[in-house]
PDB file of N, CA and C in Angstrom:
ATOM      1  N   MET A   1     -12.640   0.908  16.090  1.00  0.00           N
ATOM      2  CA  MET A   1     -12.015   1.187  14.810  1.00  0.00           C
ATOM      3  C   MET A   1     -10.675   0.446  14.732  1.00  0.00           C
ATOM      4  N   LYS A   2     -10.440  -0.063  13.583  1.00  0.00           N
ATOM      5  CA  LYS A   2      -9.217  -0.809  13.327  1.00  0.00           C
ATOM      6  C   LYS A   2      -8.373   0.007  12.353  1.00  0.00           C
ATOM      7  N   GLN A   3      -7.070  -0.119  12.411  1.00  0.00           N
ATOM      8  CA  GLN A   3      -6.198   0.553  11.454  1.00  0.00           C
ATOM      9  C   GLN A   3      -5.550  -0.484  10.558  1.00  0.00           C
ATOM     10  N   ILE A   4      -5.528  -0.168   9.268  1.00  0.00           N
ATOM     11  CA  ILE A   4      -4.968  -1.074   8.268  1.00  0.00           C
ATOM     12  C   ILE A   4      -3.923  -0.304   7.472  1.00  0.00           C
ATOM     13  N   GLU A   5      -2.781  -0.932   7.248  1.00  0.00           N
ATOM     14  CA  GLU A   5      -1.748  -0.323   6.415  1.00  0.00           C
ATOM     15  C   GLU A   5      -1.912  -0.847   4.989  1.00  0.00           C
ATOM     16  N   VAL A   6      -1.962   0.077   4.026  1.00  0.00           N
ATOM     17  CA  VAL A   6      -2.155  -0.294   2.628  1.00  0.00           C
ATOM     18  C   VAL A   6      -1.122   0.426   1.768  1.00  0.00           C
ATOM     19  N   GLN A   7      -1.005  -0.034   0.535  1.00  0.00           N
ATOM     20  CA  GLN A   7      -0.122   0.591  -0.451  1.00  0.00           C
ATOM     21  C   GLN A   7      -0.975   1.073  -1.625  1.00  0.00           C
ATOM     22  N   ILE A   8      -0.805   2.328  -1.977  1.00  0.00           N
ATOM     23  CA  ILE A   8      -1.455   2.880  -3.160  1.00  0.00           C
ATOM     24  C   ILE A   8      -0.369   3.525  -4.006  1.00  0.00           C
ATOM     25  N   MET A   9      -0.210   3.026  -5.187  1.00  0.00           N
ATOM     26  CA  MET A   9       0.814   3.489  -6.128  1.00  0.00           C
ATOM     27  C   MET A   9       2.195   3.521  -5.464  1.00  0.00           C
ATOM     28  N   GLY A  10       2.472   2.450  -4.687  1.00  0.00           N
ATOM     29  CA  GLY A  10       3.784   2.294  -4.088  1.00  0.00           C
ATOM     30  C   GLY A  10       4.009   3.078  -2.806  1.00  0.00           C
ATOM     31  N   GLN A  11       3.039   3.824  -2.354  1.00  0.00           N
ATOM     32  CA  GLN A  11       3.204   4.609  -1.130  1.00  0.00           C
ATOM     33  C   GLN A  11       2.295   4.037  -0.044  1.00  0.00           C
ATOM     34  N   GLY A  12       2.829   3.942   1.176  1.00  0.00           N
ATOM     35  CA  GLY A  12       2.080   3.375   2.275  1.00  0.00           C
ATOM     36  C   GLY A  12       1.150   4.382   2.936  1.00  0.00           C
ATOM     37  N   TYR A  13       0.001   3.899   3.358  1.00  0.00           N
ATOM     38  CA  TYR A  13      -0.993   4.713   4.064  1.00  0.00           C
ATOM     39  C   TYR A  13      -1.539   3.881   5.216  1.00  0.00           C
ATOM     40  N   LEU A  14      -1.778   4.529   6.353  1.00  0.00           N
ATOM     41  CA  LEU A  14      -2.410   3.900   7.493  1.00  0.00           C
ATOM     42  C   LEU A  14      -3.844   4.430   7.552  1.00  0.00           C
ATOM     43  N   LEU A  15      -4.813   3.541   7.332  1.00  0.00           N
ATOM     44  CA  LEU A  15      -6.210   3.935   7.244  1.00  0.00           C
ATOM     45  C   LEU A  15      -7.012   3.369   8.395  1.00  0.00           C
ATOM     46  N   SER A  16      -7.950   4.160   8.896  1.00  0.00           N
ATOM     47  CA  SER A  16      -8.892   3.675   9.904  1.00  0.00           C
ATOM     48  C   SER A  16     -10.019   2.955   9.193  1.00  0.00           C
ATOM     49  N   CYS A  17     -10.497   1.919   9.837  1.00  0.00           N
ATOM     50  CA  CYS A  17     -11.532   1.090   9.224  1.00  0.00           C
ATOM     51  C   CYS A  17     -12.499   0.613  10.294  1.00  0.00           C
ATOM     52  N   PRO A  18     -13.810   0.736  10.047  1.00  0.00           N
ATOM     53  CA  PRO A  18     -14.763   0.213  11.029  1.00  0.00           C
ATOM     54  C   PRO A  18     -14.656  -1.307  11.114  1.00  0.00           C
ATOM     55  N   ASP A  19     -14.964  -1.845  12.282  1.00  0.00           N
ATOM     56  CA  ASP A  19     -14.927  -3.296  12.464  1.00  0.00           C
ATOM     57  C   ASP A  19     -15.825  -3.964  11.430  1.00  0.00           C
ATOM     58  N   GLY A  20     -15.293  -4.996  10.776  1.00  0.00           N
ATOM     59  CA  GLY A  20     -16.048  -5.725   9.764  1.00  0.00           C
ATOM     60  C   GLY A  20     -15.986  -5.100   8.382  1.00  0.00           C
ATOM     61  N   GLY A  21     -15.331  -3.967   8.248  1.00  0.00           N
ATOM     62  CA  GLY A  21     -15.284  -3.297   6.951  1.00  0.00           C
ATOM     63  C   GLY A  21     -13.979  -3.476   6.208  1.00  0.00           C
ATOM     64  N   GLU A  22     -13.134  -4.362   6.694  1.00  0.00           N
ATOM     65  CA  GLU A  22     -11.801  -4.536   6.100  1.00  0.00           C
ATOM     66  C   GLU A  22     -11.872  -4.949   4.636  1.00  0.00           C
ATOM     67  N   ALA A  23     -12.730  -5.888   4.316  1.00  0.00           N
ATOM     68  CA  ALA A  23     -12.805  -6.389   2.936  1.00  0.00           C
ATOM     69  C   ALA A  23     -13.233  -5.283   1.978  1.00  0.00           C
ATOM     70  N   MET A  24     -14.232  -4.490   2.378  1.00  0.00           N
ATOM     71  CA  MET A  24     -14.685  -3.407   1.506  1.00  0.00           C
ATOM     72  C   MET A  24     -13.608  -2.340   1.364  1.00  0.00           C
ATOM     73  N   LEU A  25     -12.911  -2.035   2.458  1.00  0.00           N
ATOM     74  CA  LEU A  25     -11.844  -1.035   2.387  1.00  0.00           C
ATOM     75  C   LEU A  25     -10.726  -1.519   1.475  1.00  0.00           C
ATOM     76  N   LEU A  26     -10.333  -2.780   1.614  1.00  0.00           N
ATOM     77  CA  LEU A  26      -9.268  -3.312   0.761  1.00  0.00           C
ATOM     78  C   LEU A  26      -9.685  -3.343  -0.707  1.00  0.00           C
ATOM     79  N   GLN A  27     -10.955  -3.611  -0.966  1.00  0.00           N
ATOM     80  CA  GLN A  27     -11.459  -3.567  -2.338  1.00  0.00           C
ATOM     81  C   GLN A  27     -11.387  -2.134  -2.881  1.00  0.00           C
ATOM     82  N   ALA A  28     -11.760  -1.161  -2.059  1.00  0.00           N
ATOM     83  CA  ALA A  28     -11.685   0.239  -2.475  1.00  0.00           C
ATOM     84  C   ALA A  28     -10.233   0.654  -2.737  1.00  0.00           C
ATOM     85  N   VAL A  29      -9.328   0.234  -1.864  1.00  0.00           N
ATOM     86  CA  VAL A  29      -7.904   0.536  -2.043  1.00  0.00           C
ATOM     87  C   VAL A  29      -7.407  -0.059  -3.357  1.00  0.00           C
ATOM     88  N   SER A  30      -7.820  -1.277  -3.631  1.00  0.00           N
ATOM     89  CA  SER A  30      -7.408  -1.942  -4.872  1.00  0.00           C
ATOM     90  C   SER A  30      -7.893  -1.170  -6.099  1.00  0.00           C
ATOM     91  N   ARG A  31      -9.138  -0.715  -6.061  1.00  0.00           N
ATOM     92  CA  ARG A  31      -9.683   0.049  -7.205  1.00  0.00           C
ATOM     93  C   ARG A  31      -8.957   1.376  -7.381  1.00  0.00           C
ATOM     94  N   VAL A  32      -8.693   2.062  -6.268  1.00  0.00           N
ATOM     95  CA  VAL A  32      -7.988   3.347  -6.348  1.00  0.00           C
ATOM     96  C   VAL A  32      -6.568   3.135  -6.862  1.00  0.00           C
ATOM     97  N   ASP A  33      -5.887   2.124  -6.329  1.00  0.00           N
ATOM     98  CA  ASP A  33      -4.521   1.835  -6.768  1.00  0.00           C
ATOM     99  C   ASP A  33      -4.489   1.511  -8.263  1.00  0.00           C
ATOM    100  N   ALA A  34      -5.416   0.680  -8.718  1.00  0.00           N
ATOM    101  CA  ALA A  34      -5.458   0.318 -10.143  1.00  0.00           C
ATOM    102  C   ALA A  34      -5.730   1.537 -11.009  1.00  0.00           C
ATOM    103  N   ALA A  35      -6.667   2.382 -10.580  1.00  0.00           N
ATOM    104  CA  ALA A  35      -7.004   3.576 -11.364  1.00  0.00           C
ATOM    105  C   ALA A  35      -5.819   4.533 -11.438  1.00  0.00           C
ATOM    106  N   MET A  36      -5.138   4.716 -10.311  1.00  0.00           N
ATOM    107  CA  MET A  36      -3.996   5.634 -10.300  1.00  0.00           C
ATOM    108  C   MET A  36      -2.826   5.083 -11.109  1.00  0.00           C
ATOM    109  N   CYS A  37      -2.551   3.795 -10.979  1.00  0.00           N
ATOM    110  CA  CYS A  37      -1.450   3.182 -11.735  1.00  0.00           C
ATOM    111  C   CYS A  37      -1.721   3.230 -13.235  1.00  0.00           C
ATOM    112  N   LYS A  38      -2.956   3.055 -13.632  1.00  0.00           N
ATOM    113  CA  LYS A  38      -3.317   3.114 -15.048  1.00  0.00           C
ATOM    114  C   LYS A  38      -3.023   4.502 -15.618  1.00  0.00           C
ATOM    115  N   ILE A  39      -3.372   5.545 -14.864  1.00  0.00           N
ATOM    116  CA  ILE A  39      -3.108   6.914 -15.325  1.00  0.00           C
ATOM    117  C   ILE A  39      -1.610   7.175 -15.351  1.00  0.00           C
ATOM    118  N   ARG A  40      -0.911   6.750 -14.296  1.00  0.00           N
ATOM    119  CA  ARG A  40       0.549   6.934 -14.241  1.00  0.00           C
ATOM    120  C   ARG A  40       1.235   6.213 -15.397  1.00  0.00           C
ATOM    121  N   ASP A  41       0.808   4.975 -15.660  1.00  0.00           N
ATOM    122  CA  ASP A  41       1.444   4.166 -16.695  1.00  0.00           C
ATOM    123  C   ASP A  41       1.163   4.683 -18.103  1.00  0.00           C
ATOM    124  N   ALA A  42       0.093   5.452 -18.263  1.00  0.00           N
ATOM    125  CA  ALA A  42      -0.194   6.057 -19.571  1.00  0.00           C
ATOM    126  C   ALA A  42       0.861   7.108 -19.907  1.00  0.00           C
ATOM    127  N   GLY A  43       1.548   7.621 -18.870  1.00  0.00           N
ATOM    128  CA  GLY A  43       2.683   8.500 -19.086  1.00  0.00           C
ATOM    129  C   GLY A  43       2.378   9.961 -19.339  1.00  0.00           C
ATOM    130  N   LYS A  44       1.122  10.355 -19.344  1.00  0.00           N
ATOM    131  CA  LYS A  44       0.788  11.744 -19.661  1.00  0.00           C
ATOM    132  C   LYS A  44       0.807  12.638 -18.422  1.00  0.00           C
ATOM    133  N   VAL A  45       0.600  12.056 -17.238  1.00  0.00           N
ATOM    134  CA  VAL A  45       0.549  12.830 -16.001  1.00  0.00           C
ATOM    135  C   VAL A  45       1.574  12.241 -15.041  1.00  0.00           C
ATOM    136  N   LYS A  46       2.386  13.092 -14.454  1.00  0.00           N
ATOM    137  CA  LYS A  46       3.445  12.627 -13.549  1.00  0.00           C
ATOM    138  C   LYS A  46       3.169  12.954 -12.088  1.00  0.00           C
ATOM    139  N   ALA A  47       2.517  14.072 -11.812  1.00  0.00           N
ATOM    140  CA  ALA A  47       2.319  14.510 -10.424  1.00  0.00           C
ATOM    141  C   ALA A  47       1.296  13.625  -9.726  1.00  0.00           C
ATOM    142  N   ARG A  48       1.686  13.112  -8.554  1.00  0.00           N
ATOM    143  CA  ARG A  48       0.841  12.207  -7.793  1.00  0.00           C
ATOM    144  C   ARG A  48      -0.512  12.835  -7.457  1.00  0.00           C
ATOM    145  N   ASP A  49      -0.533  14.126  -7.105  1.00  0.00           N
ATOM    146  CA  ASP A  49      -1.801  14.760  -6.736  1.00  0.00           C
ATOM    147  C   ASP A  49      -2.737  14.868  -7.938  1.00  0.00           C
ATOM    148  N   ARG A  50      -2.200  15.145  -9.111  1.00  0.00           N
ATOM    149  CA  ARG A  50      -3.029  15.202 -10.325  1.00  0.00           C
ATOM    150  C   ARG A  50      -3.554  13.814 -10.697  1.00  0.00           C
ATOM    151  N   ILE A  51      -2.707  12.822 -10.538  1.00  0.00           N
ATOM    152  CA  ILE A  51      -3.133  11.437 -10.800  1.00  0.00           C
ATOM    153  C   ILE A  51      -4.276  11.066  -9.865  1.00  0.00           C
ATOM    154  N   ALA A  52      -4.157  11.436  -8.582  1.00  0.00           N
ATOM    155  CA  ALA A  52      -5.198  11.128  -7.603  1.00  0.00           C
ATOM    156  C   ALA A  52      -6.515  11.813  -7.968  1.00  0.00           C
ATOM    157  N   VAL A  53      -6.454  13.071  -8.386  1.00  0.00           N
ATOM    158  CA  VAL A  53      -7.678  13.797  -8.771  1.00  0.00           C
ATOM    159  C   VAL A  53      -8.322  13.140  -9.985  1.00  0.00           C
ATOM    160  N   LEU A  54      -7.537  12.815 -10.991  1.00  0.00           N
ATOM    161  CA  LEU A  54      -8.087  12.191 -12.199  1.00  0.00           C
ATOM    162  C   LEU A  54      -8.683  10.818 -11.885  1.00  0.00           C
ATOM    163  N   ALA A  55      -8.001  10.038 -11.062  1.00  0.00           N
ATOM    164  CA  ALA A  55      -8.517   8.720 -10.683  1.00  0.00           C
ATOM    165  C   ALA A  55      -9.825   8.871  -9.905  1.00  0.00           C
ATOM    166  N   SER A  56      -9.879   9.837  -8.999  1.00  0.00           N
ATOM    167  CA  SER A  56     -11.104  10.077  -8.231  1.00  0.00           C
ATOM    168  C   SER A  56     -12.263  10.452  -9.130  1.00  0.00           C
ATOM    169  N   LEU A  57     -12.011  11.315 -10.082  1.00  0.00           N
ATOM    170  CA  LEU A  57     -13.066  11.710 -11.026  1.00  0.00           C
ATOM    171  C   LEU A  57     -13.539  10.523 -11.855  1.00  0.00           C
ATOM    172  N   ASN A  58     -12.608   9.712 -12.321  1.00  0.00           N
ATOM    173  CA  ASN A  58     -12.980   8.528 -13.100  1.00  0.00           C
ATOM    174  C   ASN A  58     -13.833   7.565 -12.275  1.00  0.00           C
ATOM    175  N   LEU A  59     -13.431   7.312 -11.039  1.00  0.00           N
ATOM    176  CA  LEU A  59     -14.174   6.398 -10.182  1.00  0.00           C
ATOM    177  C   LEU A  59     -15.550   6.961  -9.823  1.00  0.00           C
ATOM    178  N   ALA A  60     -15.630   8.267  -9.555  1.00  0.00           N
ATOM    179  CA  ALA A  60     -16.925   8.889  -9.248  1.00  0.00           C
ATOM    180  C   ALA A  60     -17.854   8.819 -10.450  1.00  0.00           C
ATOM    181  N   PHE A  61     -17.316   9.014 -11.648  1.00  0.00           N
ATOM    182  CA  PHE A  61     -18.123   8.925 -12.864  1.00  0.00           C
ATOM    183  C   PHE A  61     -18.639   7.501 -13.053  1.00  0.00           C
ATOM    184  N   GLU A  62     -17.774   6.509 -12.857  1.00  0.00           N
ATOM    185  CA  GLU A  62     -18.195   5.105 -12.969  1.00  0.00           C
ATOM    186  C   GLU A  62     -19.304   4.781 -11.971  1.00  0.00           C
ATOM    187  N   LEU A  63     -19.169   5.287 -10.749  1.00  0.00           N
ATOM    188  CA  LEU A  63     -20.198   5.054  -9.737  1.00  0.00           C
ATOM    189  C   LEU A  63     -21.520   5.706 -10.145  1.00  0.00           C
ATOM    190  N   SER A  64     -21.470   6.933 -10.644  1.00  0.00           N
ATOM    191  CA  SER A  64     -22.683   7.620 -11.090  1.00  0.00           C
ATOM    192  C   SER A  64     -23.360   6.859 -12.218  1.00  0.00           C
ATOM    193  N   GLU A  65     -22.572   6.344 -13.147  1.00  0.00           N
ATOM    194  CA  GLU A  65     -23.128   5.541 -14.243  1.00  0.00           C
ATOM    195  C   GLU A  65     -23.809   4.283 -13.714  1.00  0.00           C
ATOM    196  N   ALA A  66     -23.159   3.602 -12.781  1.00  0.00           N
ATOM    197  CA  ALA A  66     -23.714   2.363 -12.233  1.00  0.00           C
ATOM    198  C   ALA A  66     -25.016   2.632 -11.487  1.00  0.00           C
ATOM    199  N   VAL A  67     -25.071   3.712 -10.716  1.00  0.00           N
ATOM    200  CA  VAL A  67     -26.290   4.058  -9.985  1.00  0.00           C
ATOM    201  C   VAL A  67     -27.413   4.391 -10.960  1.00  0.00           C
ATOM    202  N   ALA A  68     -27.105   5.164 -11.997  1.00  0.00           N
ATOM    203  CA  ALA A  68     -28.124   5.527 -12.987  1.00  0.00           C
ATOM    204  C   ALA A  68     -28.661   4.287 -13.698  1.00  0.00           C
ATOM    205  N   LYS A  69     -27.783   3.361 -14.050  1.00  0.00           N
ATOM    206  CA  LYS A  69     -28.219   2.123 -14.709  1.00  0.00           C
ATOM    207  C   LYS A  69     -29.076   1.284 -13.766  1.00  0.00           C
ATOM    208  N   ALA A  70     -28.685   1.203 -12.505  1.00  0.00           N
ATOM    209  CA  ALA A  70     -29.458   0.422 -11.536  1.00  0.00           C
ATOM    210  C   ALA A  70     -30.834   1.042 -11.319  1.00  0.00           C
ATOM    211  N   GLN A  71     -30.895   2.357 -11.249  1.00  0.00           N
ATOM    212  CA  GLN A  71     -32.176   3.031 -11.073  1.00  0.00           C
ATOM    213  C   GLN A  71     -33.066   2.827 -12.294  1.00  0.00           C
ATOM    214  N   ALA A  72     -32.490   2.913 -13.481  1.00  0.00           N
ATOM    215  CA  ALA A  72     -33.268   2.697 -14.702  1.00  0.00           C
ATOM    216  C   ALA A  72     -33.769   1.255 -14.769  1.00  0.00           C
ATOM    217  N   ALA A  73     -32.915   0.308 -14.406  1.00  0.00           N
ATOM    218  CA  ALA A  73     -33.313  -1.102 -14.426  1.00  0.00           C
ATOM    219  C   ALA A  73     -34.415  -1.362 -13.403  1.00  0.00           C
ATOM    220  N   ALA A  74     -34.293  -0.759 -12.228  1.00  0.00           N
ATOM    221  CA  ALA A  74     -35.310  -0.951 -11.195  1.00  0.00           C
ATOM    222  C   ALA A  74     -36.638  -0.329 -11.623  1.00  0.00           C
ATOM    223  N   ALA A  75     -36.584   0.819 -12.260  1.00  0.00           N
ATOM    224  CA  ALA A  75     -37.808   1.481 -12.701  1.00  0.00           C
ATOM    225  C   ALA A  75     -38.500   0.685 -13.799  1.00  0.00           C
ATOM    226  N   ALA A  76     -37.724   0.035 -14.653  1.00  0.00           N
ATOM    227  CA  ALA A  76     -38.288  -0.718 -15.770  1.00  0.00           C
ATOM    228  C   ALA A  76     -38.628  -2.164 -15.395  1.00  0.00           C
ATOM    229  N   ALA A  77     -38.182  -2.610 -14.230  1.00  0.00           N
ATOM    230  CA  ALA A  77     -38.304  -4.020 -13.863  1.00  0.00           C
ATOM    231  C   ALA A  77     -39.739  -4.462 -13.600  1.00  0.00           C
ATOM    232  N   VAL A  78     -40.517  -3.618 -12.974  1.00  0.00           N
ATOM    233  CA  VAL A  78     -41.858  -4.035 -12.573  1.00  0.00           C
ATOM    234  C   VAL A  78     -42.863  -2.948 -12.932  1.00  0.00           C
ATOM    235  N   VAL A  79     -43.904  -3.344 -13.629  1.00  0.00           N
ATOM    236  CA  VAL A  79     -45.026  -2.457 -13.889  1.00  0.00           C
ATOM    237  C   VAL A  79     -46.172  -2.973 -13.034  1.00  0.00           C
ATOM    238  N   VAL A  80     -46.583  -2.166 -12.092  1.00  0.00           N
ATOM    239  CA  VAL A  80     -47.597  -2.600 -11.140  1.00  0.00           C
ATOM    240  C   VAL A  80     -48.919  -1.900 -11.462  1.00  0.00           C
ATOM    241  N   PRO A  81     -49.953  -2.684 -11.825  1.00  0.00           N
ATOM    242  CA  PRO A  81     -51.248  -2.062 -12.086  1.00  0.00           C
ATOM    243  C   PRO A  81     -51.887  -1.581 -10.793  1.00  0.00           C
ATOM    244  N   ALA A  82     -52.725  -0.576 -10.912  1.00  0.00           N
ATOM    245  CA  ALA A  82     -53.424  -0.053  -9.738  1.00  0.00           C
ATOM    246  C   ALA A  82     -54.384  -1.126  -9.219  1.00  0.00           C
ATOM    247  N   PRO A  83     -54.360  -1.384  -7.922  1.00  0.00           N
ATOM    248  CA  PRO A  83     -55.232  -2.422  -7.367  1.00  0.00           C
ATOM    249  C   PRO A  83     -56.691  -1.971  -7.353  1.00  0.00           C
ATOM    250  N   SER A  84     -57.588  -2.927  -7.611  1.00  0.00           N
ATOM    251  CA  SER A  84     -59.011  -2.599  -7.576  1.00  0.00           C
ATOM    252  C   SER A  84     -59.736  -3.352  -6.476  1.00  0.00           C
ATOM    253  N   THR A  85     -59.038  -4.318  -5.842  1.00  0.00           N
ATOM    254  CA  THR A  85     -59.638  -5.061  -4.726  1.00  0.00           C
ATOM    255  C   THR A  85     -58.619  -5.119  -3.592  1.00  0.00           C
ATOM    256  N   PRO A  86     -59.066  -5.403  -2.369  1.00  0.00           N
ATOM    257  CA  PRO A  86     -58.115  -5.527  -1.256  1.00  0.00           C
ATOM    258  C   PRO A  86     -57.053  -6.607  -1.498  1.00  0.00           C
ATOM    259  N   ALA A  87     -57.432  -7.703  -2.137  1.00  0.00           N
ATOM    260  CA  ALA A  87     -56.460  -8.767  -2.424  1.00  0.00           C
ATOM    261  C   ALA A  87     -55.392  -8.260  -3.388  1.00  0.00           C
ATOM    262  N   GLN A  88     -55.801  -7.479  -4.387  1.00  0.00           N
ATOM    263  CA  GLN A  88     -54.832  -6.922  -5.335  1.00  0.00           C
ATOM    264  C   GLN A  88     -53.947  -5.885  -4.643  1.00  0.00           C
ATOM    265  N   ALA A  89     -54.510  -5.138  -3.697  1.00  0.00           N
ATOM    266  CA  ALA A  89     -53.709  -4.161  -2.957  1.00  0.00           C
ATOM    267  C   ALA A  89     -52.608  -4.868  -2.170  1.00  0.00           C
ATOM    268  N   THR A  90     -52.945  -6.005  -1.548  1.00  0.00           N
ATOM    269  CA  THR A  90     -51.952  -6.782  -0.808  1.00  0.00           C
ATOM    270  C   THR A  90     -50.877  -7.305  -1.748  1.00  0.00           C
ATOM    271  N   GLU A  91     -51.279  -7.786  -2.910  1.00  0.00           N
ATOM    272  CA  GLU A  91     -50.318  -8.278  -3.910  1.00  0.00           C
ATOM    273  C   GLU A  91     -49.424  -7.137  -4.395  1.00  0.00           C
ATOM    274  N   THR A  92     -50.021  -5.967  -4.613  1.00  0.00           N
ATOM    275  CA  THR A  92     -49.252  -4.800  -5.041  1.00  0.00           C
ATOM    276  C   THR A  92     -48.239  -4.409  -3.971  1.00  0.00           C
ATOM    277  N   ASP A  93     -48.657  -4.416  -2.714  1.00  0.00           N
ATOM    278  CA  ASP A  93     -47.731  -4.111  -1.621  1.00  0.00           C
ATOM    279  C   ASP A  93     -46.565  -5.088  -1.609  1.00  0.00           C
ATOM    280  N   GLN A  94     -46.840  -6.367  -1.832  1.00  0.00           N
ATOM    281  CA  GLN A  94     -45.790  -7.385  -1.852  1.00  0.00           C
ATOM    282  C   GLN A  94     -44.829  -7.139  -3.013  1.00  0.00           C
ATOM    283  N   LEU A  95     -45.371  -6.812  -4.185  1.00  0.00           N
ATOM    284  CA  LEU A  95     -44.519  -6.515  -5.343  1.00  0.00           C
ATOM    285  C   LEU A  95     -43.628  -5.309  -5.071  1.00  0.00           C
ATOM    286  N   MET A  96     -44.180  -4.300  -4.422  1.00  0.00           N
ATOM    287  CA  MET A  96     -43.388  -3.104  -4.109  1.00  0.00           C
ATOM    288  C   MET A  96     -42.275  -3.432  -3.108  1.00  0.00           C
ATOM    289  N   ARG A  97     -42.580  -4.256  -2.110  1.00  0.00           N
ATOM    290  CA  ARG A  97     -41.548  -4.664  -1.152  1.00  0.00           C
ATOM    291  C   ARG A  97     -40.433  -5.433  -1.865  1.00  0.00           C
ATOM    292  N   GLU A  98     -40.803  -6.326  -2.774  1.00  0.00           N
ATOM    293  CA  GLU A  98     -39.800  -7.089  -3.524  1.00  0.00           C
ATOM    294  C   GLU A  98     -38.953  -6.166  -4.394  1.00  0.00           C
ATOM    295  N   LEU A  99     -39.590  -5.195  -5.025  1.00  0.00           N
ATOM    296  CA  LEU A  99     -38.855  -4.244  -5.861  1.00  0.00           C
ATOM    297  C   LEU A  99     -37.879  -3.432  -5.010  1.00  0.00           C
ATOM    298  N   MET A 100     -38.319  -2.946  -3.876  1.00  0.00           N
ATOM    299  CA  MET A 100     -37.433  -2.164  -3.014  1.00  0.00           C
ATOM    300  C   MET A 100     -36.282  -3.025  -2.502  1.00  0.00           C
ATOM    301  N   GLN A 101     -36.548  -4.295  -2.237  1.00  0.00           N
ATOM    302  CA  GLN A 101     -35.486  -5.213  -1.823  1.00  0.00           C
ATOM    303  C   GLN A 101     -34.444  -5.366  -2.928  1.00  0.00           C
ATOM    304  N   ARG A 102     -34.900  -5.478  -4.169  1.00  0.00           N
ATOM    305  CA  ARG A 102     -33.975  -5.593  -5.306  1.00  0.00           C
ATOM    306  C   ARG A 102     -33.153  -4.324  -5.467  1.00  0.00           C
ATOM    307  N   VAL A 103     -33.787  -3.166  -5.315  1.00  0.00           N
ATOM    308  CA  VAL A 103     -33.070  -1.891  -5.416  1.00  0.00           C
ATOM    309  C   VAL A 103     -32.045  -1.788  -4.293  1.00  0.00           C
ATOM    310  N   ASP A 104     -32.451  -2.128  -3.061  1.00  0.00           N
ATOM    311  CA  ASP A 104     -31.519  -2.094  -1.935  1.00  0.00           C
ATOM    312  C   ASP A 104     -30.339  -3.023  -2.164  1.00  0.00           C
ATOM    313  N   THR A 105     -30.586  -4.192  -2.751  1.00  0.00           N
ATOM    314  CA  THR A 105     -29.514  -5.140  -3.027  1.00  0.00           C
ATOM    315  C   THR A 105     -28.525  -4.552  -4.023  1.00  0.00           C
ATOM    316  N   VAL A 106     -29.040  -3.925  -5.061  1.00  0.00           N
ATOM    317  CA  VAL A 106     -28.167  -3.355  -6.090  1.00  0.00           C
ATOM    318  C   VAL A 106     -27.393  -2.151  -5.544  1.00  0.00           C
ATOM    319  N   LEU A 107     -28.063  -1.291  -4.800  1.00  0.00           N
ATOM    320  CA  LEU A 107     -27.417  -0.063  -4.336  1.00  0.00           C
ATOM    321  C   LEU A 107     -26.812  -0.193  -2.954  1.00  0.00           C
ATOM    322  N   GLY A 108     -27.130  -1.259  -2.259  1.00  0.00           N
ATOM    323  CA  GLY A 108     -26.685  -1.394  -0.882  1.00  0.00           C
ATOM    324  C   GLY A 108     -25.183  -1.401  -0.701  1.00  0.00           C
ATOM    325  N   ALA A 109     -24.441  -1.867  -1.684  1.00  0.00           N
ATOM    326  CA  ALA A 109     -22.995  -1.968  -1.557  1.00  0.00           C
ATOM    327  C   ALA A 109     -22.332  -0.607  -1.360  1.00  0.00           C
ATOM    328  N   ASP A 110     -22.906   0.447  -1.941  1.00  0.00           N
ATOM    329  CA  ASP A 110     -22.295   1.758  -1.789  1.00  0.00           C
ATOM    330  C   ASP A 110     -23.046   2.651  -0.812  1.00  0.00           C
ATOM    331  N   GLY A 111     -24.042   2.087  -0.138  1.00  0.00           N
ATOM    332  CA  GLY A 111     -24.748   2.837   0.889  1.00  0.00           C
ATOM    333  C   GLY A 111     -25.736   3.857   0.377  1.00  0.00           C
ATOM    334  N   GLN A 112     -26.003   3.888  -0.904  1.00  0.00           N
ATOM    335  CA  GLN A 112     -26.925   4.857  -1.477  1.00  0.00           C
ATOM    336  C   GLN A 112     -28.293   4.210  -1.609  1.00  0.00           C
ATOM    337  N   LEU A 113     -29.273   4.745  -0.926  1.00  0.00           N
ATOM    338  CA  LEU A 113     -30.623   4.239  -1.037  1.00  0.00           C
ATOM    339  C   LEU A 113     -31.495   5.324  -1.647  1.00  0.00           C
ATOM    340  N   LEU A 114     -32.567   4.917  -2.317  1.00  0.00           N
ATOM    341  CA  LEU A 114     -33.455   5.887  -2.962  1.00  0.00           C
ATOM    342  C   LEU A 114     -34.125   6.783  -1.977  1.00  0.00           C
TER     343      LEU A 114
END
């Protein structure tokens, strides 16, 4: 495990990070910092803990929307007819593998698999 020092809304944090995960962690820090600064700059909420909760809820909602859209797109992407011969069964298996690969590619970034 590696430790990385980051800044979120002007405050420093020392975070543990798995080897090779620095880029993803820094991207996550950037998104959290941007979300929190946006709420702070709107001027309606001043308390850091409330800003953090609101930013977390916003980011979780965005993630849920993205997953739902990806699942809907994957479900609509391929219509596979029922195979009637062994050759068609092999083709159907290949189409299903390709579809699962596409779903894994879309959802793989956040670690959520069907």
